[in-house]
């Protein structure tokens, strides 16, 4: 952004937010919405759902492949524990997304081994 555009942006921000504070609205209930997703009244890990969506909407056949399963597994392991929300989320993903047989078998086996070591 060049300096003239920066000044314009700051001027607009100042005019719209500072002078008119009612234009700045933060809903505290929405601060953490990106982390969780509620589907049919149940809370799921939003990052895992988003990743599953992204992996199945690519150039492939719409199924979760071995490579996709590896990415999901890495995302599950990110917090170094397998939380109840992650368990519920992966149960949802396994039930509602198409997997190759090899990916499904590999994922379940890896999660079992990893979770048993925690």
PDB file of N, CA and C in Angstrom:
ATOM      1  N   UNK A   1       0.854  -1.161   0.000  1.00  0.00           N
ATOM      2  CA  UNK A   1       0.000   0.000   0.000  1.00  0.00           C
ATOM      3  C   UNK A   1       0.905   1.230   0.000  1.00  0.00           C
ATOM      4  N   UNK A   2       0.696   2.111  -0.953  1.00  0.00           N
ATOM      5  CA  UNK A   2       1.528   3.317  -0.967  1.00  0.00           C
ATOM      6  C   UNK A   2       1.043   4.282   0.106  1.00  0.00           C
ATOM      7  N   UNK A   3       1.847   5.318   0.371  1.00  0.00           N
ATOM      8  CA  UNK A   3       1.544   6.198   1.508  1.00  0.00           C
ATOM      9  C   UNK A   3       0.220   6.945   1.334  1.00  0.00           C
ATOM     10  N   UNK A   4      -0.113   7.348   0.097  1.00  0.00           N
ATOM     11  CA  UNK A   4      -1.390   8.047  -0.103  1.00  0.00           C
ATOM     12  C   UNK A   4      -2.574   7.148   0.211  1.00  0.00           C
ATOM     13  N   UNK A   5      -2.488   5.889  -0.222  1.00  0.00           N
ATOM     14  CA  UNK A   5      -3.573   4.952   0.056  1.00  0.00           C
ATOM     15  C   UNK A   5      -3.637   4.644   1.553  1.00  0.00           C
ATOM     16  N   UNK A   6      -2.467   4.568   2.198  1.00  0.00           N
ATOM     17  CA  UNK A   6      -2.442   4.336   3.647  1.00  0.00           C
ATOM     18  C   UNK A   6      -3.141   5.461   4.376  1.00  0.00           C
ATOM     19  N   UNK A   7      -2.852   6.698   3.969  1.00  0.00           N
ATOM     20  CA  UNK A   7      -3.483   7.860   4.600  1.00  0.00           C
ATOM     21  C   UNK A   7      -4.982   7.827   4.363  1.00  0.00           C
ATOM     22  N   UNK A   8      -5.397   7.463   3.134  1.00  0.00           N
ATOM     23  CA  UNK A   8      -6.828   7.371   2.845  1.00  0.00           C
ATOM     24  C   UNK A   8      -7.487   6.307   3.714  1.00  0.00           C
ATOM     25  N   UNK A   9      -6.832   5.157   3.822  1.00  0.00           N
ATOM     26  CA  UNK A   9      -7.377   4.077   4.634  1.00  0.00           C
ATOM     27  C   UNK A   9      -7.505   4.513   6.089  1.00  0.00           C
ATOM     28  N   UNK A  10      -6.422   5.094   6.642  1.00  0.00           N
ATOM     29  CA  UNK A  10      -6.453   5.543   8.031  1.00  0.00           C
ATOM     30  C   UNK A  10      -7.497   6.636   8.235  1.00  0.00           C
ATOM     31  N   UNK A  11      -7.619   7.517   7.245  1.00  0.00           N
ATOM     32  CA  UNK A  11      -8.650   8.549   7.330  1.00  0.00           C
ATOM     33  C   UNK A  11     -10.037   7.943   7.372  1.00  0.00           C
ATOM     34  N   UNK A  12     -10.276   6.954   6.485  1.00  0.00           N
ATOM     35  CA  UNK A  12     -11.570   6.269   6.473  1.00  0.00           C
ATOM     36  C   UNK A  12     -11.810   5.543   7.796  1.00  0.00           C
ATOM     37  N   UNK A  13     -10.763   4.860   8.273  1.00  0.00           N
ATOM     38  CA  UNK A  13     -10.890   4.149   9.544  1.00  0.00           C
ATOM     39  C   UNK A  13     -11.228   5.125  10.667  1.00  0.00           C
ATOM     40  N   UNK A  14     -10.478   6.221  10.735  1.00  0.00           N
ATOM     41  CA  UNK A  14     -10.697   7.230  11.771  1.00  0.00           C
ATOM     42  C   UNK A  14     -12.122   7.770  11.694  1.00  0.00           C
ATOM     43  N   UNK A  15     -12.554   8.095  10.485  1.00  0.00           N
ATOM     44  CA  UNK A  15     -13.891   8.659  10.293  1.00  0.00           C
ATOM     45  C   UNK A  15     -14.962   7.643  10.667  1.00  0.00           C
ATOM     46  N   UNK A  16     -14.810   6.394  10.218  1.00  0.00           N
ATOM     47  CA  UNK A  16     -15.858   5.397  10.392  1.00  0.00           C
ATOM     48  C   UNK A  16     -15.888   4.734  11.755  1.00  0.00           C
ATOM     49  N   UNK A  17     -14.738   4.623  12.410  1.00  0.00           N
ATOM     50  CA  UNK A  17     -14.706   3.894  13.666  1.00  0.00           C
ATOM     51  C   UNK A  17     -14.488   4.822  14.852  1.00  0.00           C
ATOM     52  N   UNK A  18     -13.467   5.646  14.763  1.00  0.00           N
ATOM     53  CA  UNK A  18     -13.153   6.494  15.906  1.00  0.00           C
ATOM     54  C   UNK A  18     -14.242   7.562  16.124  1.00  0.00           C
ATOM     55  N   UNK A  19     -14.624   8.226  15.065  1.00  0.00           N
ATOM     56  CA  UNK A  19     -15.638   9.270  15.215  1.00  0.00           C
ATOM     57  C   UNK A  19     -17.047   8.701  15.307  1.00  0.00           C
ATOM     58  N   UNK A  20     -17.231   7.497  14.784  1.00  0.00           N
ATOM     59  CA  UNK A  20     -18.542   6.841  14.829  1.00  0.00           C
ATOM     60  C   UNK A  20     -18.365   5.460  15.472  1.00  0.00           C
ATOM     61  N   UNK A  21     -18.148   5.389  16.793  1.00  0.00           N
ATOM     62  CA  UNK A  21     -17.838   4.106  17.422  1.00  0.00           C
ATOM     63  C   UNK A  21     -18.909   3.040  17.227  1.00  0.00           C
ATOM     64  N   UNK A  22     -20.133   3.465  16.943  1.00  0.00           N
ATOM     65  CA  UNK A  22     -21.168   2.439  16.708  1.00  0.00           C
ATOM     66  C   UNK A  22     -20.863   1.606  15.471  1.00  0.00           C
ATOM     67  N   UNK A  23     -19.956   2.085  14.593  1.00  0.00           N
ATOM     68  CA  UNK A  23     -19.577   1.311  13.411  1.00  0.00           C
ATOM     69  C   UNK A  23     -18.632   0.159  13.741  1.00  0.00           C
ATOM     70  N   UNK A  24     -18.055   0.174  14.928  1.00  0.00           N
ATOM     71  CA  UNK A  24     -17.160  -0.907  15.345  1.00  0.00           C
ATOM     72  C   UNK A  24     -17.943  -1.815  16.268  1.00  0.00           C
ATOM     73  N   UNK A  25     -18.312  -2.985  15.771  1.00  0.00           N
ATOM     74  CA  UNK A  25     -19.100  -3.905  16.559  1.00  0.00           C
ATOM     75  C   UNK A  25     -18.380  -5.239  16.605  1.00  0.00           C
ATOM     76  N   UNK A  26     -18.075  -5.670  17.790  1.00  0.00           N
ATOM     77  CA  UNK A  26     -17.458  -6.986  17.969  1.00  0.00           C
ATOM     78  C   UNK A  26     -18.410  -7.807  18.810  1.00  0.00           C
ATOM     79  N   UNK A  27     -18.866  -8.882  18.261  1.00  0.00           N
ATOM     80  CA  UNK A  27     -19.765  -9.778  18.980  1.00  0.00           C
ATOM     81  C   UNK A  27     -18.906 -10.795  19.724  1.00  0.00           C
ATOM     82  N   UNK A  28     -18.876 -10.761  21.055  1.00  0.00           N
ATOM     83  CA  UNK A  28     -18.022 -11.683  21.803  1.00  0.00           C
ATOM     84  C   UNK A  28     -18.376 -13.143  21.573  1.00  0.00           C
ATOM     85  N   UNK A  29     -19.588 -13.429  21.143  1.00  0.00           N
ATOM     86  CA  UNK A  29     -19.975 -14.805  20.869  1.00  0.00           C
ATOM     87  C   UNK A  29     -19.339 -15.338  19.589  1.00  0.00           C
ATOM     88  N   UNK A  30     -18.826 -14.443  18.736  1.00  0.00           N
ATOM     89  CA  UNK A  30     -18.241 -14.865  17.467  1.00  0.00           C
ATOM     90  C   UNK A  30     -16.718 -14.927  17.496  1.00  0.00           C
ATOM     91  N   UNK A  31     -16.102 -14.596  18.613  1.00  0.00           N
ATOM     92  CA  UNK A  31     -14.644 -14.527  18.645  1.00  0.00           C
ATOM     93  C   UNK A  31     -13.981 -15.871  18.369  1.00  0.00           C
ATOM     94  N   UNK A  32     -14.582 -16.964  18.793  1.00  0.00           N
ATOM     95  CA  UNK A  32     -13.958 -18.270  18.635  1.00  0.00           C
ATOM     96  C   UNK A  32     -14.703 -19.174  17.663  1.00  0.00           C
ATOM     97  N   UNK A  33     -15.562 -18.576  16.847  1.00  0.00           N
ATOM     98  CA  UNK A  33     -16.373 -19.388  15.941  1.00  0.00           C
ATOM     99  C   UNK A  33     -15.539 -20.149  14.927  1.00  0.00           C
ATOM    100  N   UNK A  34     -14.403 -19.636  14.544  1.00  0.00           N
ATOM    101  CA  UNK A  34     -13.636 -20.314  13.513  1.00  0.00           C
ATOM    102  C   UNK A  34     -13.046 -21.617  14.027  1.00  0.00           C
ATOM    103  N   UNK A  35     -12.861 -21.758  15.353  1.00  0.00           N
ATOM    104  CA  UNK A  35     -12.271 -22.984  15.861  1.00  0.00           C
ATOM    105  C   UNK A  35     -13.297 -24.113  15.928  1.00  0.00           C
ATOM    106  N   UNK A  36     -14.513 -23.818  16.332  1.00  0.00           N
ATOM    107  CA  UNK A  36     -15.557 -24.836  16.431  1.00  0.00           C
ATOM    108  C   UNK A  36     -16.623 -24.609  15.379  1.00  0.00           C
ATOM    109  N   UNK A  37     -17.194 -25.727  14.948  1.00  0.00           N
ATOM    110  CA  UNK A  37     -18.356 -25.668  14.058  1.00  0.00           C
ATOM    111  C   UNK A  37     -19.449 -26.491  14.714  1.00  0.00           C
ATOM    112  N   UNK A  38     -20.650 -25.961  14.697  1.00  0.00           N
ATOM    113  CA  UNK A  38     -21.784 -26.695  15.243  1.00  0.00           C
ATOM    114  C   UNK A  38     -22.590 -27.239  14.073  1.00  0.00           C
ATOM    115  N   UNK A  39     -22.768 -28.550  14.086  1.00  0.00           N
ATOM    116  CA  UNK A  39     -23.525 -29.233  13.035  1.00  0.00           C
ATOM    117  C   UNK A  39     -24.601 -30.051  13.731  1.00  0.00           C
ATOM    118  N   UNK A  40     -25.844 -29.765  13.398  1.00  0.00           N
ATOM    119  CA  UNK A  40     -26.991 -30.449  13.994  1.00  0.00           C
ATOM    120  C   UNK A  40     -26.907 -30.444  15.518  1.00  0.00           C
ATOM    121  N   UNK A  41     -26.511 -29.294  16.083  1.00  0.00           N
ATOM    122  CA  UNK A  41     -26.473 -29.126  17.525  1.00  0.00           C
ATOM    123  C   UNK A  41     -25.266 -29.692  18.240  1.00  0.00           C
ATOM    124  N   UNK A  42     -24.325 -30.275  17.490  1.00  0.00           N
ATOM    125  CA  UNK A  42     -23.135 -30.862  18.110  1.00  0.00           C
ATOM    126  C   UNK A  42     -21.902 -30.062  17.716  1.00  0.00           C
ATOM    127  N   UNK A  43     -21.001 -29.865  18.673  1.00  0.00           N
ATOM    128  CA  UNK A  43     -19.804 -29.062  18.432  1.00  0.00           C
ATOM    129  C   UNK A  43     -18.670 -29.941  17.900  1.00  0.00           C
ATOM    130  N   UNK A  44     -18.033 -29.446  16.813  1.00  0.00           N
ATOM    131  CA  UNK A  44     -16.913 -30.152  16.177  1.00  0.00           C
ATOM    132  C   UNK A  44     -15.722 -29.208  16.021  1.00  0.00           C
ATOM    133  N   UNK A  45     -14.565 -29.794  15.782  1.00  0.00           N
ATOM    134  CA  UNK A  45     -13.341 -29.033  15.535  1.00  0.00           C
ATOM    135  C   UNK A  45     -13.442 -28.435  14.130  1.00  0.00           C
ATOM    136  N   UNK A  46     -13.564 -27.120  14.064  1.00  0.00           N
ATOM    137  CA  UNK A  46     -13.754 -26.442  12.785  1.00  0.00           C
ATOM    138  C   UNK A  46     -12.582 -26.601  11.840  1.00  0.00           C
ATOM    139  N   UNK A  47     -11.362 -26.632  12.376  1.00  0.00           N
ATOM    140  CA  UNK A  47     -10.186 -26.777  11.519  1.00  0.00           C
ATOM    141  C   UNK A  47     -10.174 -28.133  10.821  1.00  0.00           C
ATOM    142  N   UNK A  48     -10.557 -29.196  11.547  1.00  0.00           N
ATOM    143  CA  UNK A  48     -10.591 -30.531  10.935  1.00  0.00           C
ATOM    144  C   UNK A  48     -11.695 -30.627   9.886  1.00  0.00           C
ATOM    145  N   UNK A  49     -12.853 -30.040  10.178  1.00  0.00           N
ATOM    146  CA  UNK A  49     -13.953 -30.045   9.199  1.00  0.00           C
ATOM    147  C   UNK A  49     -13.535 -29.272   7.953  1.00  0.00           C
ATOM    148  N   UNK A  50     -12.929 -28.095   8.152  1.00  0.00           N
ATOM    149  CA  UNK A  50     -12.475 -27.293   7.008  1.00  0.00           C
ATOM    150  C   UNK A  50     -11.436 -28.038   6.187  1.00  0.00           C
ATOM    151  N   UNK A  51     -10.524 -28.731   6.866  1.00  0.00           N
ATOM    152  CA  UNK A  51      -9.494 -29.493   6.157  1.00  0.00           C
ATOM    153  C   UNK A  51     -10.125 -30.628   5.357  1.00  0.00           C
ATOM    154  N   UNK A  52     -11.052 -31.353   5.953  1.00  0.00           N
ATOM    155  CA  UNK A  52     -11.731 -32.436   5.230  1.00  0.00           C
ATOM    156  C   UNK A  52     -12.471 -31.887   4.010  1.00  0.00           C
ATOM    157  N   UNK A  53     -13.125 -30.740   4.170  1.00  0.00           N
ATOM    158  CA  UNK A  53     -13.805 -30.106   3.031  1.00  0.00           C
ATOM    159  C   UNK A  53     -12.809 -29.780   1.926  1.00  0.00           C
ATOM    160  N   UNK A  54     -11.707 -29.162   2.316  1.00  0.00           N
ATOM    161  CA  UNK A  54     -10.690 -28.763   1.343  1.00  0.00           C
ATOM    162  C   UNK A  54     -10.108 -29.984   0.618  1.00  0.00           C
ATOM    163  N   UNK A  55      -9.829 -31.031   1.371  1.00  0.00           N
ATOM    164  CA  UNK A  55      -9.207 -32.224   0.782  1.00  0.00           C
ATOM    165  C   UNK A  55     -10.139 -32.949  -0.184  1.00  0.00           C
ATOM    166  N   UNK A  56     -11.431 -32.892   0.061  1.00  0.00           N
ATOM    167  CA  UNK A  56     -12.372 -33.612  -0.800  1.00  0.00           C
ATOM    168  C   UNK A  56     -12.893 -32.776  -1.954  1.00  0.00           C
ATOM    169  N   UNK A  57     -12.596 -31.481  -1.975  1.00  0.00           N
ATOM    170  CA  UNK A  57     -13.065 -30.631  -3.063  1.00  0.00           C
ATOM    171  C   UNK A  57     -11.974 -30.356  -4.093  1.00  0.00           C
ATOM    172  N   UNK A  58     -10.864 -31.024  -3.982  1.00  0.00           N
ATOM    173  CA  UNK A  58      -9.749 -30.782  -4.891  1.00  0.00           C
ATOM    174  C   UNK A  58      -9.945 -31.449  -6.236  1.00  0.00           C
ATOM    175  N   UNK A  59      -8.851 -31.737  -6.872  1.00  0.00           N
ATOM    176  CA  UNK A  59      -8.866 -32.282  -8.226  1.00  0.00           C
ATOM    177  C   UNK A  59      -9.132 -33.780  -8.262  1.00  0.00           C
ATOM    178  N   UNK A  60      -9.150 -34.438  -7.113  1.00  0.00           N
ATOM    179  CA  UNK A  60      -9.324 -35.892  -7.083  1.00  0.00           C
ATOM    180  C   UNK A  60     -10.761 -36.314  -7.279  1.00  0.00           C
ATOM    181  N   UNK A  61     -11.061 -37.506  -6.777  1.00  0.00           N
ATOM    182  CA  UNK A  61     -12.396 -38.082  -6.980  1.00  0.00           C
ATOM    183  C   UNK A  61     -13.359 -37.801  -5.832  1.00  0.00           C
ATOM    184  N   UNK A  62     -12.974 -36.906  -4.911  1.00  0.00           N
ATOM    185  CA  UNK A  62     -13.860 -36.544  -3.813  1.00  0.00           C
ATOM    186  C   UNK A  62     -13.745 -37.432  -2.594  1.00  0.00           C
ATOM    187  N   UNK A  63     -12.843 -38.417  -2.661  1.00  0.00           N
ATOM    188  CA  UNK A  63     -12.627 -39.289  -1.505  1.00  0.00           C
ATOM    189  C   UNK A  63     -11.370 -38.857  -0.773  1.00  0.00           C
ATOM    190  N   UNK A  64     -11.312 -39.175   0.501  1.00  0.00           N
ATOM    191  CA  UNK A  64     -10.109 -38.923   1.281  1.00  0.00           C
ATOM    192  C   UNK A  64      -9.117 -40.035   0.963  1.00  0.00           C
ATOM    193  N   UNK A  65      -7.994 -39.624   0.396  1.00  0.00           N
ATOM    194  CA  UNK A  65      -6.949 -40.566  -0.028  1.00  0.00           C
ATOM    195  C   UNK A  65      -5.950 -40.784   1.102  1.00  0.00           C
ATOM    196  N   UNK A  66      -4.942 -41.608   0.863  1.00  0.00           N
ATOM    197  CA  UNK A  66      -3.878 -41.828   1.847  1.00  0.00           C
ATOM    198  C   UNK A  66      -3.192 -40.512   2.184  1.00  0.00           C
ATOM    199  N   UNK A  67      -2.866 -39.730   1.167  1.00  0.00           N
ATOM    200  CA  UNK A  67      -2.211 -38.442   1.389  1.00  0.00           C
ATOM    201  C   UNK A  67      -3.100 -37.516   2.218  1.00  0.00           C
ATOM    202  N   UNK A  68      -4.385 -37.511   1.920  1.00  0.00           N
ATOM    203  CA  UNK A  68      -5.338 -36.704   2.678  1.00  0.00           C
ATOM    204  C   UNK A  68      -5.421 -37.190   4.128  1.00  0.00           C
ATOM    205  N   UNK A  69      -5.462 -38.505   4.308  1.00  0.00           N
ATOM    206  CA  UNK A  69      -5.540 -39.091   5.650  1.00  0.00           C
ATOM    207  C   UNK A  69      -4.308 -38.707   6.467  1.00  0.00           C
ATOM    208  N   UNK A  70      -3.153 -38.664   5.828  1.00  0.00           N
ATOM    209  CA  UNK A  70      -1.933 -38.249   6.528  1.00  0.00           C
ATOM    210  C   UNK A  70      -2.039 -36.804   6.993  1.00  0.00           C
ATOM    211  N   UNK A  71      -2.607 -35.937   6.150  1.00  0.00           N
ATOM    212  CA  UNK A  71      -2.787 -34.541   6.536  1.00  0.00           C
ATOM    213  C   UNK A  71      -3.777 -34.406   7.699  1.00  0.00           C
ATOM    214  N   UNK A  72      -4.855 -35.167   7.649  1.00  0.00           N
ATOM    215  CA  UNK A  72      -5.821 -35.149   8.749  1.00  0.00           C
ATOM    216  C   UNK A  72      -5.195 -35.655  10.041  1.00  0.00           C
ATOM    217  N   UNK A  73      -4.392 -36.705   9.924  1.00  0.00           N
ATOM    218  CA  UNK A  73      -3.737 -37.261  11.106  1.00  0.00           C
ATOM    219  C   UNK A  73      -2.786 -36.240  11.731  1.00  0.00           C
ATOM    220  N   UNK A  74      -2.027 -35.541  10.910  1.00  0.00           N
ATOM    221  CA  UNK A  74      -1.126 -34.502  11.424  1.00  0.00           C
ATOM    222  C   UNK A  74      -1.923 -33.390  12.116  1.00  0.00           C
ATOM    223  N   UNK A  75      -3.073 -33.049  11.557  1.00  0.00           N
ATOM    224  CA  UNK A  75      -3.914 -32.011  12.168  1.00  0.00           C
ATOM    225  C   UNK A  75      -4.476 -32.477  13.512  1.00  0.00           C
ATOM    226  N   UNK A  76      -4.827 -33.757  13.613  1.00  0.00           N
ATOM    227  CA  UNK A  76      -5.328 -34.303  14.875  1.00  0.00           C
ATOM    228  C   UNK A  76      -4.221 -34.266  15.931  1.00  0.00           C
ATOM    229  N   UNK A  77      -3.000 -34.564  15.522  1.00  0.00           N
ATOM    230  CA  UNK A  77      -1.881 -34.630  16.469  1.00  0.00           C
ATOM    231  C   UNK A  77      -1.372 -33.264  16.895  1.00  0.00           C
ATOM    232  N   UNK A  78      -1.853 -32.199  16.315  1.00  0.00           N
ATOM    233  CA  UNK A  78      -1.291 -30.858  16.564  1.00  0.00           C
ATOM    234  C   UNK A  78      -1.276 -30.452  18.028  1.00  0.00           C
ATOM    235  N   UNK A  79      -2.227 -30.888  18.804  1.00  0.00           N
ATOM    236  CA  UNK A  79      -2.284 -30.502  20.213  1.00  0.00           C
ATOM    237  C   UNK A  79      -1.658 -31.522  21.144  1.00  0.00           C
ATOM    238  N   UNK A  80      -1.095 -32.581  20.592  1.00  0.00           N
ATOM    239  CA  UNK A  80      -0.418 -33.643  21.337  1.00  0.00           C
ATOM    240  C   UNK A  80      -1.351 -34.420  22.267  1.00  0.00           C
ATOM    241  N   UNK A  81      -2.659 -34.321  22.029  1.00  0.00           N
ATOM    242  CA  UNK A  81      -3.621 -35.172  22.722  1.00  0.00           C
ATOM    243  C   UNK A  81      -4.834 -35.318  21.809  1.00  0.00           C
ATOM    244  N   UNK A  82      -5.579 -36.382  22.009  1.00  0.00           N
ATOM    245  CA  UNK A  82      -6.759 -36.654  21.191  1.00  0.00           C
ATOM    246  C   UNK A  82      -7.985 -36.305  22.028  1.00  0.00           C
ATOM    247  N   UNK A  83      -8.464 -35.078  21.857  1.00  0.00           N
ATOM    248  CA  UNK A  83      -9.554 -34.569  22.687  1.00  0.00           C
ATOM    249  C   UNK A  83     -10.886 -35.204  22.289  1.00  0.00           C
ATOM    250  N   UNK A  84     -11.856 -35.080  23.176  1.00  0.00           N
ATOM    251  CA  UNK A  84     -13.196 -35.599  22.878  1.00  0.00           C
ATOM    252  C   UNK A  84     -13.785 -34.909  21.651  1.00  0.00           C
ATOM    253  N   UNK A  85     -13.539 -33.605  21.515  1.00  0.00           N
ATOM    254  CA  UNK A  85     -14.045 -32.870  20.339  1.00  0.00           C
ATOM    255  C   UNK A  85     -13.403 -33.433  19.069  1.00  0.00           C
ATOM    256  N   UNK A  86     -12.091 -33.694  19.108  1.00  0.00           N
ATOM    257  CA  UNK A  86     -11.420 -34.268  17.932  1.00  0.00           C
ATOM    258  C   UNK A  86     -11.947 -35.668  17.633  1.00  0.00           C
ATOM    259  N   UNK A  87     -12.186 -36.466  18.658  1.00  0.00           N
ATOM    260  CA  UNK A  87     -12.745 -37.814  18.455  1.00  0.00           C
ATOM    261  C   UNK A  87     -14.111 -37.724  17.787  1.00  0.00           C
ATOM    262  N   UNK A  88     -14.961 -36.837  18.317  1.00  0.00           N
ATOM    263  CA  UNK A  88     -16.292 -36.669  17.731  1.00  0.00           C
ATOM    264  C   UNK A  88     -16.190 -36.153  16.295  1.00  0.00           C
ATOM    265  N   UNK A  89     -15.263 -35.232  16.071  1.00  0.00           N
ATOM    266  CA  UNK A  89     -15.097 -34.658  14.735  1.00  0.00           C
ATOM    267  C   UNK A  89     -14.649 -35.723  13.747  1.00  0.00           C
ATOM    268  N   UNK A  90     -13.679 -36.527  14.145  1.00  0.00           N
ATOM    269  CA  UNK A  90     -13.197 -37.552  13.224  1.00  0.00           C
ATOM    270  C   UNK A  90     -14.238 -38.645  13.008  1.00  0.00           C
ATOM    271  N   UNK A  91     -15.052 -38.934  14.015  1.00  0.00           N
ATOM    272  CA  UNK A  91     -16.161 -39.873  13.815  1.00  0.00           C
ATOM    273  C   UNK A  91     -17.133 -39.298  12.785  1.00  0.00           C
ATOM    274  N   UNK A  92     -17.385 -37.995  12.877  1.00  0.00           N
ATOM    275  CA  UNK A  92     -18.254 -37.321  11.910  1.00  0.00           C
ATOM    276  C   UNK A  92     -17.639 -37.367  10.507  1.00  0.00           C
ATOM    277  N   UNK A  93     -16.354 -37.062  10.416  1.00  0.00           N
ATOM    278  CA  UNK A  93     -15.668 -37.068   9.111  1.00  0.00           C
ATOM    279  C   UNK A  93     -15.659 -38.469   8.524  1.00  0.00           C
ATOM    280  N   UNK A  94     -15.414 -39.456   9.347  1.00  0.00           N
ATOM    281  CA  UNK A  94     -15.398 -40.835   8.827  1.00  0.00           C
ATOM    282  C   UNK A  94     -16.779 -41.274   8.350  1.00  0.00           C
ATOM    283  N   UNK A  95     -17.824 -40.790   9.016  1.00  0.00           N
ATOM    284  CA  UNK A  95     -19.185 -41.190   8.649  1.00  0.00           C
ATOM    285  C   UNK A  95     -19.758 -40.381   7.489  1.00  0.00           C
ATOM    286  N   UNK A  96     -19.289 -39.155   7.301  1.00  0.00           N
ATOM    287  CA  UNK A  96     -19.933 -38.260   6.341  1.00  0.00           C
ATOM    288  C   UNK A  96     -19.097 -37.905   5.117  1.00  0.00           C
ATOM    289  N   UNK A  97     -17.874 -38.385   5.058  1.00  0.00           N
ATOM    290  CA  UNK A  97     -17.007 -38.153   3.910  1.00  0.00           C
ATOM    291  C   UNK A  97     -16.603 -39.514   3.357  1.00  0.00           C
ATOM    292  N   UNK A  98     -16.386 -39.568   2.060  1.00  0.00           N
ATOM    293  CA  UNK A  98     -15.968 -40.818   1.432  1.00  0.00           C
ATOM    294  C   UNK A  98     -14.458 -40.965   1.567  1.00  0.00           C
ATOM    295  N   UNK A  99     -14.025 -42.140   1.958  1.00  0.00           N
ATOM    296  CA  UNK A  99     -12.610 -42.467   2.133  1.00  0.00           C
ATOM    297  C   UNK A  99     -12.254 -43.629   1.214  1.00  0.00           C
ATOM    298  N   UNK A 100     -11.010 -43.669   0.774  1.00  0.00           N
ATOM    299  CA  UNK A 100     -10.560 -44.906   0.135  1.00  0.00           C
ATOM    300  C   UNK A 100     -10.428 -45.930   1.261  1.00  0.00           C
ATOM    301  N   UNK A 101     -10.567 -47.201   0.930  1.00  0.00           N
ATOM    302  CA  UNK A 101     -10.453 -48.239   1.961  1.00  0.00           C
ATOM    303  C   UNK A 101      -9.100 -48.184   2.655  1.00  0.00           C
ATOM    304  N   UNK A 102      -8.040 -48.004   1.869  1.00  0.00           N
ATOM    305  CA  UNK A 102      -6.690 -47.968   2.436  1.00  0.00           C
ATOM    306  C   UNK A 102      -6.522 -46.785   3.381  1.00  0.00           C
ATOM    307  N   UNK A 103      -7.032 -45.621   2.999  1.00  0.00           N
ATOM    308  CA  UNK A 103      -6.904 -44.430   3.838  1.00  0.00           C
ATOM    309  C   UNK A 103      -7.680 -44.597   5.143  1.00  0.00           C
ATOM    310  N   UNK A 104      -8.881 -45.141   5.052  1.00  0.00           N
ATOM    311  CA  UNK A 104      -9.699 -45.340   6.242  1.00  0.00           C
ATOM    312  C   UNK A 104      -9.025 -46.302   7.205  1.00  0.00           C
ATOM    313  N   UNK A 105      -8.546 -47.408   6.701  1.00  0.00           N
ATOM    314  CA  UNK A 105      -7.876 -48.404   7.538  1.00  0.00           C
ATOM    315  C   UNK A 105      -6.601 -47.831   8.162  1.00  0.00           C
ATOM    316  N   UNK A 106      -5.797 -47.152   7.336  1.00  0.00           N
ATOM    317  CA  UNK A 106      -4.545 -46.572   7.828  1.00  0.00           C
ATOM    318  C   UNK A 106      -4.829 -45.532   8.913  1.00  0.00           C
ATOM    319  N   UNK A 107      -5.784 -44.634   8.673  1.00  0.00           N
ATOM    320  CA  UNK A 107      -6.084 -43.575   9.622  1.00  0.00           C
ATOM    321  C   UNK A 107      -6.527 -44.155  10.965  1.00  0.00           C
ATOM    322  N   UNK A 108      -7.459 -45.081  10.941  1.00  0.00           N
ATOM    323  CA  UNK A 108      -7.942 -45.668  12.193  1.00  0.00           C
ATOM    324  C   UNK A 108      -6.818 -46.359  12.952  1.00  0.00           C
ATOM    325  N   UNK A 109      -5.972 -47.058  12.247  1.00  0.00           N
ATOM    326  CA  UNK A 109      -4.841 -47.749  12.876  1.00  0.00           C
ATOM    327  C   UNK A 109      -3.851 -46.763  13.498  1.00  0.00           C
ATOM    328  N   UNK A 110      -3.516 -45.707  12.761  1.00  0.00           N
ATOM    329  CA  UNK A 110      -2.552 -44.717  13.267  1.00  0.00           C
ATOM    330  C   UNK A 110      -3.090 -43.957  14.471  1.00  0.00           C
ATOM    331  N   UNK A 111      -4.369 -43.592  14.421  1.00  0.00           N
ATOM    332  CA  UNK A 111      -4.956 -42.870  15.542  1.00  0.00           C
ATOM    333  C   UNK A 111      -4.979 -43.770  16.773  1.00  0.00           C
ATOM    334  N   UNK A 112      -5.346 -45.038  16.603  1.00  0.00           N
ATOM    335  CA  UNK A 112      -5.359 -45.974  17.740  1.00  0.00           C
ATOM    336  C   UNK A 112      -3.977 -46.087  18.372  1.00  0.00           C
ATOM    337  N   UNK A 113      -2.955 -46.277  17.536  1.00  0.00           N
ATOM    338  CA  UNK A 113      -1.584 -46.413  18.055  1.00  0.00           C
ATOM    339  C   UNK A 113      -1.139 -45.132  18.760  1.00  0.00           C
ATOM    340  N   UNK A 114      -1.402 -43.985  18.125  1.00  0.00           N
ATOM    341  CA  UNK A 114      -0.970 -42.711  18.690  1.00  0.00           C
ATOM    342  C   UNK A 114      -1.707 -42.405  20.002  1.00  0.00           C
ATOM    343  N   UNK A 115      -3.018 -42.590  20.003  1.00  0.00           N
ATOM    344  CA  UNK A 115      -3.818 -42.289  21.205  1.00  0.00           C
ATOM    345  C   UNK A 115      -3.433 -43.216  22.369  1.00  0.00           C
ATOM    346  N   UNK A 116      -3.089 -44.471  22.071  1.00  0.00           N
ATOM    347  CA  UNK A 116      -2.694 -45.412  23.125  1.00  0.00           C
ATOM    348  C   UNK A 116      -1.379 -44.994  23.777  1.00  0.00           C
ATOM    349  N   UNK A 117      -0.549 -44.269  23.048  1.00  0.00           N
ATOM    350  CA  UNK A 117       0.740 -43.838  23.596  1.00  0.00           C
ATOM    351  C   UNK A 117       0.620 -42.577  24.448  1.00  0.00           C
ATOM    352  N   UNK A 118      -0.544 -41.986  24.503  1.00  0.00           N
ATOM    353  CA  UNK A 118      -0.748 -40.733  25.266  1.00  0.00           C
ATOM    354  C   UNK A 118      -1.207 -41.007  26.663  1.00  0.00           C
TER     355      UNK A 118
END
